[in-house]
Amino acid sequence: MSEDTENSQHSRKAEIERQAKLRRERAAEKLRENLSRRKQQTRARRSGQADETNGLPAAKMDES
């Protein structure tokens, strides 16, 4: 193989590794956020406070 081909392959491998590391870091951050949110919900339930949700509100069964 020529030197250019080896450098090109090496840079591609380095880029793939960099992207994989970024994906792992993003996944770890999301897991930490989720754990924090769940702990906050558990503490709120224990103290009798309402959950502060970020998602969709519960479906209303009264209104037809």
PDB file of N, CA and C in Angstrom:
ATOM      1  N   MET A   1       0.830  -1.177   0.000  1.00  0.00           N
ATOM      2  CA  MET A   1       0.000   0.000   0.000  1.00  0.00           C
ATOM      3  C   MET A   1       0.874   1.240   0.000  1.00  0.00           C
ATOM      4  N   SER A   2       0.341   2.259  -0.582  1.00  0.00           N
ATOM      5  CA  SER A   2       1.091   3.503  -0.608  1.00  0.00           C
ATOM      6  C   SER A   2       0.883   4.256   0.705  1.00  0.00           C
ATOM      7  N   GLU A   3       1.725   5.225   0.912  1.00  0.00           N
ATOM      8  CA  GLU A   3       1.660   6.004   2.145  1.00  0.00           C
ATOM      9  C   GLU A   3       0.355   6.802   2.219  1.00  0.00           C
ATOM     10  N   ASP A   4      -0.126   7.317   1.077  1.00  0.00           N
ATOM     11  CA  ASP A   4      -1.370   8.073   1.044  1.00  0.00           C
ATOM     12  C   ASP A   4      -2.550   7.195   1.449  1.00  0.00           C
ATOM     13  N   THR A   5      -2.563   5.961   0.960  1.00  0.00           N
ATOM     14  CA  THR A   5      -3.653   5.043   1.284  1.00  0.00           C
ATOM     15  C   THR A   5      -3.651   4.726   2.775  1.00  0.00           C
ATOM     16  N   GLU A   6      -2.494   4.498   3.332  1.00  0.00           N
ATOM     17  CA  GLU A   6      -2.392   4.203   4.767  1.00  0.00           C
ATOM     18  C   GLU A   6      -2.845   5.397   5.597  1.00  0.00           C
ATOM     19  N   ASN A   7      -2.440   6.602   5.204  1.00  0.00           N
ATOM     20  CA  ASN A   7      -2.861   7.806   5.929  1.00  0.00           C
ATOM     21  C   ASN A   7      -4.374   7.995   5.832  1.00  0.00           C
ATOM     22  N   SER A   8      -4.923   7.729   4.662  1.00  0.00           N
ATOM     23  CA  SER A   8      -6.358   7.864   4.455  1.00  0.00           C
ATOM     24  C   SER A   8      -7.123   6.863   5.325  1.00  0.00           C
ATOM     25  N   GLN A   9      -6.661   5.622   5.369  1.00  0.00           N
ATOM     26  CA  GLN A   9      -7.312   4.607   6.189  1.00  0.00           C
ATOM     27  C   GLN A   9      -7.211   4.957   7.668  1.00  0.00           C
ATOM     28  N   HIS A  10      -6.041   5.445   8.057  1.00  0.00           N
ATOM     29  CA  HIS A  10      -5.836   5.816   9.460  1.00  0.00           C
ATOM     30  C   HIS A  10      -6.762   6.968   9.848  1.00  0.00           C
ATOM     31  N   SER A  11      -6.904   7.961   8.975  1.00  0.00           N
ATOM     32  CA  SER A  11      -7.767   9.097   9.301  1.00  0.00           C
ATOM     33  C   SER A  11      -9.227   8.671   9.337  1.00  0.00           C
ATOM     34  N   ARG A  12      -9.632   7.727   8.463  1.00  0.00           N
ATOM     35  CA  ARG A  12     -11.003   7.222   8.498  1.00  0.00           C
ATOM     36  C   ARG A  12     -11.278   6.483   9.799  1.00  0.00           C
ATOM     37  N   LYS A  13     -10.325   5.641  10.215  1.00  0.00           N
ATOM     38  CA  LYS A  13     -10.481   4.914  11.475  1.00  0.00           C
ATOM     39  C   LYS A  13     -10.565   5.881  12.653  1.00  0.00           C
ATOM     40  N   ALA A  14      -9.737   6.901  12.634  1.00  0.00           N
ATOM     41  CA  ALA A  14      -9.751   7.886  13.716  1.00  0.00           C
ATOM     42  C   ALA A  14     -11.092   8.614  13.757  1.00  0.00           C
ATOM     43  N   GLU A  15     -11.642   8.949  12.608  1.00  0.00           N
ATOM     44  CA  GLU A  15     -12.939   9.629  12.550  1.00  0.00           C
ATOM     45  C   GLU A  15     -14.054   8.721  13.061  1.00  0.00           C
ATOM     46  N   ILE A  16     -14.028   7.458  12.688  1.00  0.00           N
ATOM     47  CA  ILE A  16     -15.036   6.497  13.157  1.00  0.00           C
ATOM     48  C   ILE A  16     -14.949   6.353  14.670  1.00  0.00           C
ATOM     49  N   GLU A  17     -13.745   6.263  15.197  1.00  0.00           N
ATOM     50  CA  GLU A  17     -13.561   6.150  16.644  1.00  0.00           C
ATOM     51  C   GLU A  17     -14.046   7.406  17.357  1.00  0.00           C
ATOM     52  N   ARG A  18     -13.791   8.564  16.766  1.00  0.00           N
ATOM     53  CA  ARG A  18     -14.226   9.834  17.354  1.00  0.00           C
ATOM     54  C   ARG A  18     -15.754   9.901  17.400  1.00  0.00           C
ATOM     55  N   GLN A  19     -16.399   9.501  16.316  1.00  0.00           N
ATOM     56  CA  GLN A  19     -17.859   9.517  16.270  1.00  0.00           C
ATOM     57  C   GLN A  19     -18.452   8.527  17.277  1.00  0.00           C
ATOM     58  N   ALA A  20     -17.841   7.357  17.404  1.00  0.00           N
ATOM     59  CA  ALA A  20     -18.316   6.359  18.367  1.00  0.00           C
ATOM     60  C   ALA A  20     -18.184   6.897  19.792  1.00  0.00           C
ATOM     61  N   LYS A  21     -17.105   7.591  20.074  1.00  0.00           N
ATOM     62  CA  LYS A  21     -16.900   8.167  21.406  1.00  0.00           C
ATOM     63  C   LYS A  21     -17.962   9.227  21.683  1.00  0.00           C
ATOM     64  N   LEU A  22     -18.265  10.061  20.696  1.00  0.00           N
ATOM     65  CA  LEU A  22     -19.304  11.075  20.865  1.00  0.00           C
ATOM     66  C   LEU A  22     -20.664  10.435  21.122  1.00  0.00           C
ATOM     67  N   ARG A  23     -20.978   9.347  20.402  1.00  0.00           N
ATOM     68  CA  ARG A  23     -22.245   8.639  20.616  1.00  0.00           C
ATOM     69  C   ARG A  23     -22.332   8.092  22.034  1.00  0.00           C
ATOM     70  N   ARG A  24     -21.235   7.502  22.509  1.00  0.00           N
ATOM     71  CA  ARG A  24     -21.216   6.955  23.871  1.00  0.00           C
ATOM     72  C   ARG A  24     -21.408   8.070  24.897  1.00  0.00           C
ATOM     73  N   GLU A  25     -20.765   9.203  24.674  1.00  0.00           N
ATOM     74  CA  GLU A  25     -20.896  10.327  25.599  1.00  0.00           C
ATOM     75  C   GLU A  25     -22.322  10.865  25.618  1.00  0.00           C
ATOM     76  N   ARG A  26     -22.949  10.979  24.440  1.00  0.00           N
ATOM     77  CA  ARG A  26     -24.337  11.451  24.376  1.00  0.00           C
ATOM     78  C   ARG A  26     -25.276  10.472  25.070  1.00  0.00           C
ATOM     79  N   ALA A  27     -25.062   9.184  24.846  1.00  0.00           N
ATOM     80  CA  ALA A  27     -25.903   8.164  25.487  1.00  0.00           C
ATOM     81  C   ALA A  27     -25.745   8.222  27.002  1.00  0.00           C
ATOM     82  N   ALA A  28     -24.531   8.378  27.478  1.00  0.00           N
ATOM     83  CA  ALA A  28     -24.284   8.454  28.918  1.00  0.00           C
ATOM     84  C   ALA A  28     -24.971   9.688  29.509  1.00  0.00           C
ATOM     85  N   GLU A  29     -24.927  10.809  28.807  1.00  0.00           N
ATOM     86  CA  GLU A  29     -25.584  12.024  29.278  1.00  0.00           C
ATOM     87  C   GLU A  29     -27.098  11.825  29.351  1.00  0.00           C
ATOM     88  N   LYS A  30     -27.676  11.197  28.339  1.00  0.00           N
ATOM     89  CA  LYS A  30     -29.115  10.931  28.338  1.00  0.00           C
ATOM     90  C   LYS A  30     -29.500  10.013  29.504  1.00  0.00           C
ATOM     91  N   LEU A  31     -28.679   9.020  29.764  1.00  0.00           N
ATOM     92  CA  LEU A  31     -28.949   8.113  30.887  1.00  0.00           C
ATOM     93  C   LEU A  31     -28.904   8.856  32.218  1.00  0.00           C
ATOM     94  N   ARG A  32     -27.927   9.758  32.372  1.00  0.00           N
ATOM     95  CA  ARG A  32     -27.838  10.547  33.604  1.00  0.00           C
ATOM     96  C   ARG A  32     -29.072  11.445  33.764  1.00  0.00           C
ATOM     97  N   GLU A  33     -29.511  12.076  32.655  1.00  0.00           N
ATOM     98  CA  GLU A  33     -30.702  12.926  32.714  1.00  0.00           C
ATOM     99  C   GLU A  33     -31.928  12.105  33.116  1.00  0.00           C
ATOM    100  N   ASN A  34     -32.066  10.939  32.522  1.00  0.00           N
ATOM    101  CA  ASN A  34     -33.210  10.077  32.811  1.00  0.00           C
ATOM    102  C   ASN A  34     -33.193   9.647  34.281  1.00  0.00           C
ATOM    103  N   LEU A  35     -32.046   9.245  34.777  1.00  0.00           N
ATOM    104  CA  LEU A  35     -31.932   8.832  36.175  1.00  0.00           C
ATOM    105  C   LEU A  35     -32.277   9.982  37.104  1.00  0.00           C
ATOM    106  N   SER A  36     -31.775  11.155  36.794  1.00  0.00           N
ATOM    107  CA  SER A  36     -32.067  12.331  37.607  1.00  0.00           C
ATOM    108  C   SER A  36     -33.561  12.633  37.616  1.00  0.00           C
ATOM    109  N   ARG A  37     -34.190  12.556  36.462  1.00  0.00           N
ATOM    110  CA  ARG A  37     -35.625  12.814  36.356  1.00  0.00           C
ATOM    111  C   ARG A  37     -36.427  11.786  37.167  1.00  0.00           C
ATOM    112  N   ARG A  38     -36.046  10.521  37.064  1.00  0.00           N
ATOM    113  CA  ARG A  38     -36.752   9.476  37.809  1.00  0.00           C
ATOM    114  C   ARG A  38     -36.581   9.650  39.316  1.00  0.00           C
ATOM    115  N   LYS A  39     -35.384  10.018  39.752  1.00  0.00           N
ATOM    116  CA  LYS A  39     -35.161  10.252  41.178  1.00  0.00           C
ATOM    117  C   LYS A  39     -36.009  11.422  41.661  1.00  0.00           C
ATOM    118  N   GLN A  40     -36.084  12.472  40.846  1.00  0.00           N
ATOM    119  CA  GLN A  40     -36.889  13.635  41.204  1.00  0.00           C
ATOM    120  C   GLN A  40     -38.363  13.249  41.313  1.00  0.00           C
ATOM    121  N   GLN A  41     -38.854  12.437  40.396  1.00  0.00           N
ATOM    122  CA  GLN A  41     -40.244  11.988  40.447  1.00  0.00           C
ATOM    123  C   GLN A  41     -40.500  11.155  41.700  1.00  0.00           C
ATOM    124  N   THR A  42     -39.568  10.270  42.036  1.00  0.00           N
ATOM    125  CA  THR A  42     -39.718   9.429  43.224  1.00  0.00           C
ATOM    126  C   THR A  42     -39.764  10.282  44.488  1.00  0.00           C
ATOM    127  N   ARG A  43     -38.879  11.271  44.588  1.00  0.00           N
ATOM    128  CA  ARG A  43     -38.877  12.159  45.753  1.00  0.00           C
ATOM    129  C   ARG A  43     -40.184  12.939  45.839  1.00  0.00           C
ATOM    130  N   ALA A  44     -40.690  13.385  44.695  1.00  0.00           N
ATOM    131  CA  ALA A  44     -41.946  14.144  44.682  1.00  0.00           C
ATOM    132  C   ALA A  44     -43.096  13.264  45.147  1.00  0.00           C
ATOM    133  N   ARG A  45     -43.121  12.017  44.727  1.00  0.00           N
ATOM    134  CA  ARG A  45     -44.189  11.108  45.141  1.00  0.00           C
ATOM    135  C   ARG A  45     -44.131  10.855  46.641  1.00  0.00           C
ATOM    136  N   ARG A  46     -42.914  10.686  47.168  1.00  0.00           N
ATOM    137  CA  ARG A  46     -42.762  10.425  48.590  1.00  0.00           C
ATOM    138  C   ARG A  46     -43.228  11.594  49.433  1.00  0.00           C
ATOM    139  N   SER A  47     -42.996  12.802  48.950  1.00  0.00           N
ATOM    140  CA  SER A  47     -43.362  13.981  49.735  1.00  0.00           C
ATOM    141  C   SER A  47     -44.778  14.449  49.433  1.00  0.00           C
ATOM    142  N   GLY A  48     -45.479  13.773  48.532  1.00  0.00           N
ATOM    143  CA  GLY A  48     -46.875  14.083  48.251  1.00  0.00           C
ATOM    144  C   GLY A  48     -47.080  15.179  47.229  1.00  0.00           C
ATOM    145  N   GLN A  49     -46.035  15.639  46.578  1.00  0.00           N
ATOM    146  CA  GLN A  49     -46.173  16.674  45.566  1.00  0.00           C
ATOM    147  C   GLN A  49     -46.543  16.052  44.228  1.00  0.00           C
ATOM    148  N   ALA A  50     -47.133  16.863  43.361  1.00  0.00           N
ATOM    149  CA  ALA A  50     -47.483  16.388  42.026  1.00  0.00           C
ATOM    150  C   ALA A  50     -46.219  16.282  41.181  1.00  0.00           C
ATOM    151  N   ASP A  51     -46.220  15.318  40.258  1.00  0.00           N
ATOM    152  CA  ASP A  51     -45.104  15.179  39.329  1.00  0.00           C
ATOM    153  C   ASP A  51     -45.125  16.331  38.342  1.00  0.00           C
ATOM    154  N   GLU A  52     -43.962  16.845  38.040  1.00  0.00           N
ATOM    155  CA  GLU A  52     -43.856  17.865  37.003  1.00  0.00           C
ATOM    156  C   GLU A  52     -43.397  17.160  35.738  1.00  0.00           C
ATOM    157  N   THR A  53     -44.339  16.916  34.857  1.00  0.00           N
ATOM    158  CA  THR A  53     -44.023  16.168  33.649  1.00  0.00           C
ATOM    159  C   THR A  53     -43.616  17.106  32.534  1.00  0.00           C
ATOM    160  N   ASN A  54     -42.788  16.609  31.649  1.00  0.00           N
ATOM    161  CA  ASN A  54     -42.385  17.349  30.462  1.00  0.00           C
ATOM    162  C   ASN A  54     -43.114  16.836  29.237  1.00  0.00           C
ATOM    163  N   GLY A  55     -43.741  15.668  29.355  1.00  0.00           N
ATOM    164  CA  GLY A  55     -44.378  15.026  28.221  1.00  0.00           C
ATOM    165  C   GLY A  55     -45.819  15.458  28.051  1.00  0.00           C
ATOM    166  N   LEU A  56     -46.577  14.635  27.349  1.00  0.00           N
ATOM    167  CA  LEU A  56     -47.976  14.909  27.096  1.00  0.00           C
ATOM    168  C   LEU A  56     -48.805  14.710  28.364  1.00  0.00           C
ATOM    169  N   PRO A  57     -49.837  15.516  28.550  1.00  0.00           N
ATOM    170  CA  PRO A  57     -50.694  15.325  29.717  1.00  0.00           C
ATOM    171  C   PRO A  57     -51.529  14.043  29.547  1.00  0.00           C
ATOM    172  N   ALA A  58     -52.029  13.545  30.644  1.00  0.00           N
ATOM    173  CA  ALA A  58     -52.830  12.314  30.592  1.00  0.00           C
ATOM    174  C   ALA A  58     -54.107  12.566  29.794  1.00  0.00           C
ATOM    175  N   ALA A  59     -54.597  11.533  29.129  1.00  0.00           N
ATOM    176  CA  ALA A  59     -55.831  11.658  28.340  1.00  0.00           C
ATOM    177  C   ALA A  59     -56.995  11.915  29.278  1.00  0.00           C
ATOM    178  N   LYS A  60     -57.889  12.788  28.854  1.00  0.00           N
ATOM    179  CA  LYS A  60     -59.067  13.107  29.671  1.00  0.00           C
ATOM    180  C   LYS A  60     -60.201  12.212  29.241  1.00  0.00           C
ATOM    181  N   MET A  61     -60.738  11.444  30.180  1.00  0.00           N
ATOM    182  CA  MET A  61     -61.813  10.501  29.881  1.00  0.00           C
ATOM    183  C   MET A  61     -63.174  11.175  29.952  1.00  0.00           C
ATOM    184  N   ASP A  62     -63.328  12.342  30.628  1.00  0.00           N
ATOM    185  CA  ASP A  62     -64.595  12.989  30.824  1.00  0.00           C
ATOM    186  C   ASP A  62     -65.162  13.592  29.549  1.00  0.00           C
ATOM    187  N   GLU A  63     -64.310  14.183  28.756  1.00  0.00           N
ATOM    188  CA  GLU A  63     -64.762  14.893  27.567  1.00  0.00           C
ATOM    189  C   GLU A  63     -64.936  13.915  26.414  1.00  0.00           C
ATOM    190  N   SER A  64     -66.146  13.857  25.854  1.00  0.00           N
ATOM    191  CA  SER A  64     -66.423  12.949  24.751  1.00  0.00           C
ATOM    192  C   SER A  64     -66.633  13.708  23.474  1.00  0.00           C
TER     193      SER A  64
END
